[in-house]
Every structure is written in C-alpha cells, then in structure tokens.
Amino acid sequence: MDLADPREGVLVGRKSPYPEEFRSNAVALCRVAGGKRTYAAVATDLGVTGETLRSWVRQADEQASRGHSHSDQAGESRDEELDRLRAENGRLRKAEKEWELEREILRRAAAYFAKEMK
C-alpha cells in the first residue's frame, strides 16, 4: 500500500459552484496583478473570498508542476520550442514590416486624394 499522498485521486468536499473557465480566468487575473494586489483585493472584484482564490492559484500551480514534468517527455523539448518561437517571431516581424509599408502607402494615398478634392 502506497501512502505517499493518500489524498491523491480523492475528491474531498463538494463540487465548486464556479465553472472551470471562471476559476482559470481568476487565477490568470491574480497572476497578471504580479504581486501588486492581494488575493483579497482581486477576489473582491470577482465576488469570491481571498482564501478561495488562493486555493485556486495553489491548485493551478500544482497542476502546472505535474504537467510540466510530464510535458518534457511527451511534448517538444525546450530547444525545439525555442526554435519554433524564434521562427514565429521572425515571421511576425516580417509581417509587421509589410503592414508598416501598407500603412505608409495608404497614408500617402489619403494625403494625395485629400489634396485633389480641395
């Protein structure tokens, strides 16, 4: 019998009345605050208690740490992810240059036609 964590896989208490999407958005909002706001301040804005929000953040951290240890084996490695992100960044920079050129062409055309209409 393994007694490493007797609570693992056991649901304790009642099911949360808040949908999973609400909880994950609340955790994201708390993290965006970056320590500038307390759990209680963020929780008040959301209409929950500070302790509820704190437990959601703790659960999300636990899930992320469990998921991270498994993702190294199953998903892409850090080097592959870095290569993919660098390629995407290059593609986005190229697209941004094209949009800047298009915007400049449209600005000049608007100025030309504005003069012509006077």
C-alpha atoms as a PDB file:
ATOM      1  CA  MET A   1       0.000   0.000   0.000  1.00  0.00           C
ATOM      2  CA  ASP A   2       1.444   3.353  -1.090  1.00  0.00           C
ATOM      3  CA  LEU A   3       0.975   6.118   1.468  1.00  0.00           C
ATOM      4  CA  ALA A   4       2.903   8.827  -0.391  1.00  0.00           C
ATOM      5  CA  ASP A   5      -0.193  11.020  -0.789  1.00  0.00           C
ATOM      6  CA  PRO A   6      -3.418   9.489   0.482  1.00  0.00           C
ATOM      7  CA  ARG A   7      -5.431  12.449  -0.879  1.00  0.00           C
ATOM      8  CA  GLU A   8      -4.314  11.944  -4.474  1.00  0.00           C
ATOM      9  CA  GLY A   9      -7.228  10.998  -6.700  1.00  0.00           C
ATOM     10  CA  VAL A  10      -9.747  11.541  -3.919  1.00  0.00           C
ATOM     11  CA  LEU A  11     -12.325  14.295  -4.200  1.00  0.00           C
ATOM     12  CA  VAL A  12     -12.889  15.942  -0.849  1.00  0.00           C
ATOM     13  CA  GLY A  13     -15.786  18.241  -0.087  1.00  0.00           C
ATOM     14  CA  ARG A  14     -18.348  19.409  -2.539  1.00  0.00           C
ATOM     15  CA  LYS A  15     -18.052  20.356  -6.181  1.00  0.00           C
ATOM     16  CA  SER A  16     -17.207  24.007  -6.779  1.00  0.00           C
ATOM     17  CA  PRO A  17     -20.157  26.161  -7.846  1.00  0.00           C
ATOM     18  CA  TYR A  18     -17.782  28.103 -10.119  1.00  0.00           C
ATOM     19  CA  PRO A  19     -17.102  26.851 -13.657  1.00  0.00           C
ATOM     20  CA  GLU A  20     -13.557  25.813 -14.533  1.00  0.00           C
ATOM     21  CA  GLU A  21     -13.231  28.682 -17.025  1.00  0.00           C
ATOM     22  CA  PHE A  22     -14.113  31.233 -14.324  1.00  0.00           C
ATOM     23  CA  ARG A  23     -11.551  29.725 -11.956  1.00  0.00           C
ATOM     24  CA  SER A  24      -8.787  29.684 -14.572  1.00  0.00           C
ATOM     25  CA  ASN A  25      -9.577  33.282 -15.559  1.00  0.00           C
ATOM     26  CA  ALA A  26      -9.485  34.291 -11.887  1.00  0.00           C
ATOM     27  CA  VAL A  27      -6.077  32.656 -11.477  1.00  0.00           C
ATOM     28  CA  ALA A  28      -4.814  34.430 -14.603  1.00  0.00           C
ATOM     29  CA  LEU A  29      -6.136  37.762 -13.307  1.00  0.00           C
ATOM     30  CA  CYS A  30      -4.383  37.204  -9.994  1.00  0.00           C
ATOM     31  CA  ARG A  31      -1.116  36.384 -11.770  1.00  0.00           C
ATOM     32  CA  VAL A  32      -1.397  39.430 -14.029  1.00  0.00           C
ATOM     33  CA  ALA A  33      -1.534  41.577 -10.897  1.00  0.00           C
ATOM     34  CA  GLY A  34       2.030  40.391 -10.297  1.00  0.00           C
ATOM     35  CA  GLY A  35       2.005  40.880  -6.531  1.00  0.00           C
ATOM     36  CA  LYS A  36       0.742  44.462  -6.786  1.00  0.00           C
ATOM     37  CA  ARG A  37      -2.666  43.407  -5.476  1.00  0.00           C
ATOM     38  CA  THR A  38      -3.512  40.994  -2.702  1.00  0.00           C
ATOM     39  CA  TYR A  39      -5.541  37.842  -3.142  1.00  0.00           C
ATOM     40  CA  ALA A  40      -8.312  39.530  -1.172  1.00  0.00           C
ATOM     41  CA  ALA A  41      -8.373  42.605  -3.454  1.00  0.00           C
ATOM     42  CA  VAL A  42      -8.574  40.538  -6.638  1.00  0.00           C
ATOM     43  CA  ALA A  43     -11.087  38.171  -5.049  1.00  0.00           C
ATOM     44  CA  THR A  44     -13.339  41.059  -4.006  1.00  0.00           C
ATOM     45  CA  ASP A  45     -13.503  42.232  -7.623  1.00  0.00           C
ATOM     46  CA  LEU A  46     -14.539  38.713  -8.642  1.00  0.00           C
ATOM     47  CA  GLY A  47     -17.046  38.166  -5.857  1.00  0.00           C
ATOM     48  CA  VAL A  48     -15.211  35.296  -4.154  1.00  0.00           C
ATOM     49  CA  THR A  49     -13.216  35.072  -0.932  1.00  0.00           C
ATOM     50  CA  GLY A  50      -9.476  35.601  -0.807  1.00  0.00           C
ATOM     51  CA  GLU A  51      -8.931  32.092   0.529  1.00  0.00           C
ATOM     52  CA  THR A  52     -10.933  30.613  -2.359  1.00  0.00           C
ATOM     53  CA  LEU A  53      -8.790  32.458  -4.886  1.00  0.00           C
ATOM     54  CA  ARG A  54      -5.621  31.467  -3.030  1.00  0.00           C
ATOM     55  CA  SER A  55      -6.625  27.790  -3.174  1.00  0.00           C
ATOM     56  CA  TRP A  56      -7.368  28.066  -6.920  1.00  0.00           C
ATOM     57  CA  VAL A  57      -3.912  29.558  -7.520  1.00  0.00           C
ATOM     58  CA  ARG A  58      -2.303  26.822  -5.409  1.00  0.00           C
ATOM     59  CA  GLN A  59      -4.186  24.111  -7.327  1.00  0.00           C
ATOM     60  CA  ALA A  60      -3.192  25.658 -10.659  1.00  0.00           C
ATOM     61  CA  ASP A  61       0.450  25.737  -9.565  1.00  0.00           C
ATOM     62  CA  GLU A  62       0.289  22.082  -8.545  1.00  0.00           C
ATOM     63  CA  GLN A  63      -1.301  21.094 -11.846  1.00  0.00           C
ATOM     64  CA  ALA A  64       1.282  23.110 -13.781  1.00  0.00           C
ATOM     65  CA  SER A  65       4.179  21.471 -11.943  1.00  0.00           C
ATOM     66  CA  ARG A  66       2.710  17.999 -12.543  1.00  0.00           C
ATOM     67  CA  GLY A  67       2.005  18.806 -16.185  1.00  0.00           C
ATOM     68  CA  HIS A  68       5.463  20.304 -16.707  1.00  0.00           C
ATOM     69  CA  SER A  69       7.254  17.163 -15.539  1.00  0.00           C
ATOM     70  CA  HIS A  70       5.212  15.055 -17.985  1.00  0.00           C
ATOM     71  CA  SER A  71       5.409  17.518 -20.886  1.00  0.00           C
ATOM     72  CA  ASP A  72       9.199  17.290 -21.084  1.00  0.00           C
ATOM     73  CA  GLN A  73       8.902  13.646 -22.088  1.00  0.00           C
ATOM     74  CA  ALA A  74       5.798  13.814 -24.284  1.00  0.00           C
ATOM     75  CA  GLY A  75       5.954  17.281 -25.862  1.00  0.00           C
ATOM     76  CA  GLU A  76       8.606  19.284 -27.587  1.00  0.00           C
ATOM     77  CA  SER A  77      11.900  19.901 -25.837  1.00  0.00           C
ATOM     78  CA  ARG A  78      12.965  23.364 -24.715  1.00  0.00           C
ATOM     79  CA  ASP A  79      15.287  23.676 -27.727  1.00  0.00           C
ATOM     80  CA  GLU A  80      12.524  22.698 -30.147  1.00  0.00           C
ATOM     81  CA  GLU A  81      10.148  25.158 -28.509  1.00  0.00           C
ATOM     82  CA  LEU A  82      12.777  27.907 -28.667  1.00  0.00           C
ATOM     83  CA  ASP A  83      13.387  27.192 -32.374  1.00  0.00           C
ATOM     84  CA  ARG A  84       9.646  27.237 -33.056  1.00  0.00           C
ATOM     85  CA  LEU A  85       9.209  30.529 -31.190  1.00  0.00           C
ATOM     86  CA  ARG A  86      12.170  32.118 -32.983  1.00  0.00           C
ATOM     87  CA  ALA A  87      10.720  31.117 -36.358  1.00  0.00           C
ATOM     88  CA  GLU A  88       7.322  32.504 -35.378  1.00  0.00           C
ATOM     89  CA  ASN A  89       8.928  35.704 -34.147  1.00  0.00           C
ATOM     90  CA  GLY A  90      10.752  36.113 -37.476  1.00  0.00           C
ATOM     91  CA  ARG A  91       7.525  35.541 -39.391  1.00  0.00           C
ATOM     92  CA  LEU A  92       5.698  38.107 -37.278  1.00  0.00           C
ATOM     93  CA  ARG A  93       8.457  40.703 -37.706  1.00  0.00           C
ATOM     94  CA  LYS A  94       8.321  40.236 -41.488  1.00  0.00           C
ATOM     95  CA  ALA A  95       4.523  40.621 -41.453  1.00  0.00           C
ATOM     96  CA  GLU A  96       4.851  43.752 -39.324  1.00  0.00           C
ATOM     97  CA  LYS A  97       7.224  45.308 -41.885  1.00  0.00           C
ATOM     98  CA  GLU A  98       4.705  44.551 -44.637  1.00  0.00           C
ATOM     99  CA  TRP A  99       1.894  46.147 -42.601  1.00  0.00           C
ATOM    100  CA  GLU A 100       4.025  49.236 -41.963  1.00  0.00           C
ATOM    101  CA  LEU A 101       4.652  49.561 -45.710  1.00  0.00           C
ATOM    102  CA  GLU A 102       0.947  49.124 -46.489  1.00  0.00           C
ATOM    103  CA  ARG A 103       0.036  51.706 -43.852  1.00  0.00           C
ATOM    104  CA  GLU A 104       2.531  54.192 -45.344  1.00  0.00           C
ATOM    105  CA  ILE A 105       1.139  53.633 -48.855  1.00  0.00           C
ATOM    106  CA  LEU A 106      -2.410  54.202 -47.584  1.00  0.00           C
ATOM    107  CA  ARG A 107      -1.339  57.320 -45.671  1.00  0.00           C
ATOM    108  CA  ARG A 108       0.260  58.789 -48.798  1.00  0.00           C
ATOM    109  CA  ALA A 109      -2.775  57.877 -50.938  1.00  0.00           C
ATOM    110  CA  ALA A 110      -5.112  59.516 -48.429  1.00  0.00           C
ATOM    111  CA  ALA A 111      -2.987  62.676 -48.444  1.00  0.00           C
ATOM    112  CA  TYR A 112      -2.918  62.694 -52.278  1.00  0.00           C
ATOM    113  CA  PHE A 113      -6.676  62.346 -52.600  1.00  0.00           C
ATOM    114  CA  ALA A 114      -7.280  64.913 -49.858  1.00  0.00           C
ATOM    115  CA  LYS A 115      -5.291  67.467 -51.894  1.00  0.00           C
ATOM    116  CA  GLU A 116      -7.127  66.517 -55.084  1.00  0.00           C
ATOM    117  CA  MET A 117     -10.557  67.083 -53.532  1.00  0.00           C
ATOM    118  CA  LYS A 118      -9.746  70.647 -52.419  1.00  0.00           C
END
